[in-house]
Amino acid sequence: MEEEELEFVEELEAVLQLTPEVQLAIEQVFPSQDPLDRADFNAVEYINTLFPTEQSLANIDEVVNKIRLKIRRLDDNIRTVVRGQTNVGQDGRQALEEAQKAIQQLFGKIKDIKDKAEKSEQMVKEITRDIKQLDHAKRHLTTSITTLNHLHMLAGGVDSLEAMTRRRQYGEVANLLQGVMNVLEHFHKYMGIPQIRQLSERVKAAQTELGQQILVDFEEAFPSQGTKRPGGPSNVLRDACLVANILDPRIKQEIIKKFIKQHLSEYLVLFQENQDVAWLDKIDRRYAWVKRQLVDYEEKYGRMFPREWYMTERIAVEFCHVTRAELAKIMRARAKEIEVKLLLFAIQRTTNFEGFLAKRFSGCTLSDGTLKKLESPPPSTNPFLEDEPTPEMEELAMEKGELDQPKKPKAPDNPFHGIVSKCFEPHLYVYIESQDKNLGELIDRFVADFKTQGPPKPNTDEGGAVLPSCADLFVYYKKCMVQCSQLSTGEPMIALTTIFQKYLREYAWKILSGNLPKTTTSSGGLTISSLLKEKEGSEVAKFTLEELCLICSILSTAEYCLATTQQLEEKLKEKVDVSLTERINLMGEMDTFSTVISSSIQLLVQDLDAACDPALTAMSKMQWQNVEHVGDQSPYVTSVILHIKQNVPIIRDNLASTRKYFTQFCIKFANSFIPKFITHLFKCKPISMVGAEQLLLDTHSLKMVLLDLPSIGSQVVRKAPASYTKIVVKGMTRAEMILKVVMAPHEPLVVFVDNYIKLLTDCNAETFQKILDMKGLKRSEQSSMLELLRQRVPTPPSGAEGSSSLCLMAPTPEQESSRIRKLEKLIKKRL
C-alpha cells in the first residue's frame, strides 16, 4: 500500500509540474503570498515552519483541523468552477448564431442602398444627356463661325496683298502681310482642303514676288556700278525694309550684303595695295575714312533701315574684315620693310580703333567664329593685376611702390579685340627680337651702373634695401607683357615668356650672384700671406660693414625677385590662351633666386663662423689641466660674444623686411658653430676637474648667448623661434653632458660607463674614447673601459650610429674647412 501511495504521489507531482512561463503567468493573474501556492513548495520546510519547537506540537490537532478546513474550501471552489463551466459551450454557440443573423441583416441593408444609388445615377445621366448635346453644338458652331471669319479675312487679305504688291504700297503691305500670315497659321490642319491649299500657295507666291520686287528696288536705288542715287533714301525703301523683316531672312541678308558692299566699294579703290596710303605708316587714314562714312550713313540712311538691323555696326564689322585681309596681304608682300616702331604704331592705332568700336557698338552682329570671347577672370590680389591704360601709368605705379598692393579686377574683354589686329600676329617676331635686344642692353646697363655707383649704402634702420634695378626690370617686363597681350595671346606670348626666363637668369647671375663678396675659405684658396698673418696672431679677414649690407641687400632683392617672378608667372597664365598655360613655367628661375638666397645666407654664416674660429682655436690650446680655480667666463667666450654682437645686429636690421631668412641665418649658424665648438672641446686634453668646471661655465655662457642670438643688441626683445631654440638647446646640452662625464670619477668603471650611457644619447665608442682622452687616461686604462662599454651597449648595425646621433654631428662644409686648416698648420711648421 505504501508503494502504491508513493507512485500516486509521484504521478500527481508529474501532472502538476507546470512550465516556468505558465507559472509566471499564474502569479501575475493571481498574486499570492501563501507558501502552499508556490511552485517550489517544500512540505518539510512548511511543517518545520508550523512546528519550529517540540512545545509547538501540543497544538497539532488545531493545525490539522485548519488544514482540513482549507482543503474543504478548496474542494468547494473547484466544484463551483467546474459546474459553472458546464453551460459555457451552449452559451457560446447561441451568441455566434445571433452575430451571424445580425451580419445578414446588415448585408441586406447595404445591398438596398447600392441599388438605390445606381438608380439615382441613371436618372442624373438621363437629365444631363440633352445638356451635353447642346454644349457640343455650341462649341462646334463657335468654331465654324471663327473659321469662316478667318477664311473671309484670308481670302480678302490675299487679294489686297496682291493688289498692294503691284502698286508697291509697302507700308500697307507690312501690316497686312503679318496679319495674313498669322491667320494662315490657323488653317494648317485644313491644308487637305483644295481651296485652303490654293490660298496658301497664293500667299507664298506673293511673298516671293515681294522679295524679288524689293531687291530690284534696292538695286535701282543703289546700283553696284556708278554713283548713289542723289535723291537719298525714300519712304518706299524704308517701308520695303519693314516688309523684308517679315519675309524670308535671306531677303534681308541679301539687302544688307549688297548695301554694305556698295558702301565700301570706294574704300577698296582708295586703299589699293599699290597706293601710298595703304601702307602701315598711314593706317590712321583708313580708320578716319570709315568714321566719316559711318557719320555719313547716320545722316543719310539712318532712318531707312530698322534699328534692329544694326546697320552701322554691320558696316564697321565688314570694314574690319576687309581691312584685316588687305593689311595681311600687303604685309606679306612687304615683310622686309616692317620695323618695330612702325609695327607698334600700326598696332596701337588699330587697338585704339577696336576700343572705339567697343565703346560705340555692342558686338551683337559678330559671328560665333570671329573672335574668342574669354570669361573675365575673378578678382585677384596679384600685384601685376591692375588697370593698364598706358605703359606710362604702369611705370609710375611701379615707381610709387604700388606693385605689391591689391589691384582692381580688369574690365570685361573687348568683343572687337583682334578683329583687325589679328593680322599683325604673324609679324610679331620683329617685336620679340626687339625686346630681346632691349633686355640685353638693360642688363648690361644694370651691370655698368652697379660698377659705377657701387653697392648700396648701409641701412640699419629700415631693413636691407632692394636694388633699384630689380624694380626697373619688372616694370619693363610688365610693359612688354601688356603690349604683347594686346597684340596676341598665342604663341608670341610663349616666345616673350622665353625671353623673360633668359634675362631673369642673367639678372640673378650677373647682378646678384656676380656681386656677392668673395671669401678665401669659400674659394678654397691658400696663400703664404694669409698664413703669415695668422701666424702673427692677427684675426681672419672679415667682411666690412658695407659688404655685409651688400649681401643683405642682394638677399632682399633675390627674395623680392622670387615673389615677383611667381606673380609674373600667374599673370602670364592669365594673359595667354587657356590651351597654352601649361607651357608657361618659371620654376627654374624661381629656383635660381632661391639659390642666390641660400648663397647669401651661407656667406653670412661663413663670415661669422670664421670670425669665431680663432677664439675656438685659443680654447683648444689652453692648458686646462693647470687651471686652479673657476672664475668668470674665459677670454675666448668674450671674443665669440663680441663677434656675434658685431655681426648679428647689422644682419638683423638689414633683413628686417625678410624675417624668415634671418631666422634661417640663425639656424644655419647654430648648426655650424655648435658642432665646431664640440669638435674643439674634444681637443681640450687633458682636463682637470677645475678646468672641466670652467669649461662647463663657459659652455653655459655660450648657450645663453646663442639662445638670445635672434634679439641680441636689440631694444625690442622677441622670443626666439621654437625651431632655433630646439637646435641650440639640443646641441649645447650635449656639450654640457660631455663635460659632466669628464668631471665624473672614472672609478668604479661600471658606474662611470653607466653614467656616460645615461648622459649621452649617442653613446658610441668613438665619443667615449675622446672623453677618456680628455680625462688624460692612458691607453691601457682605456681598453678595459671600452670593452666594458661594448658589453653594456650592443654594437649598432652599419649606418645606425649616424642615424642615432644628433643632426648637428652631420658633416658640414665647416668641418671640411677644419681639415684644410690642419693642412695649413702643417705648412706653417715647415715654414
Foldseek 3Di string as FASTA:
>chain_A
DVVVVVVVVVVVLVVVQDDPVVLVVCCVVDPDPDLVSDNPRDPVVVVCVQDVDPVSCVCVVVVVVVVVVVVVVVVVVVVVVVVVPPCPVVVVVVVVVVVVVVVVVVVVVVVVVVVVVVVVVVVVCVVCVVVVVVVVVVVVVVVVVVLVVLVVLLVVLLVVLVVCLVVLPLQVNLVSLVVNVVSLVVCPVVCVDVVNVVSVVSSVVSLVSLLVVLVVVLCVQQPLDDDGDVVFDDPSLLSSLSNCVVGDVVSVVVSLVSVLCSLCVVVCVQQPLPDPCVDLVNVVVLLVVLVVSLVVCCVGPVSSHDVVVVSSLVSVLVSLQVSQVSHLVSCVVPVVVDAPVSLLSSLVSVLVSLVVSLVVDVCPPDDPPQDDFDDFDDFDQQLLAADPPDLVVLLVCLVVVSSNGGYGGDDGDRSSQCSRLVSCVVSCVNVLVVVLVVLVVLLVVLLVCCVVVDFDDQDQAAAAAADPSLSVNVSVVSNVLVSVLSNAQEDVLLSNLVSVLVSLLVCLVRVQVVPQDDDCLVVVDDDPVQLVCVVVPDADDADDLRNLSRLLNSLVNLVVCLVNVVSVLVVSLVSHDVVCNVSRDNVVSSVSSVVSNVVSLVSLLVRLLSRLVVLLVVVLPDQQQPDDAADAADVSLVSSLVSLLVRLSSSCSNCVVPNVSSLVSLQVNLLQNLLVSLVSVLSNPAHDLRSLVNVLNSLVVVLVCSQQSNQPPHPDGDHRDPVSNVSSCVRSQQVNLLSVLLNDDCPPVVVSLVSLVVSAVLPDLVSVVSSVRRNVDDPVVSVVSSVVNCVVDPDDPPPVSVVRDDPSNPDDSSVVVVVVVVVSVVVVVVD
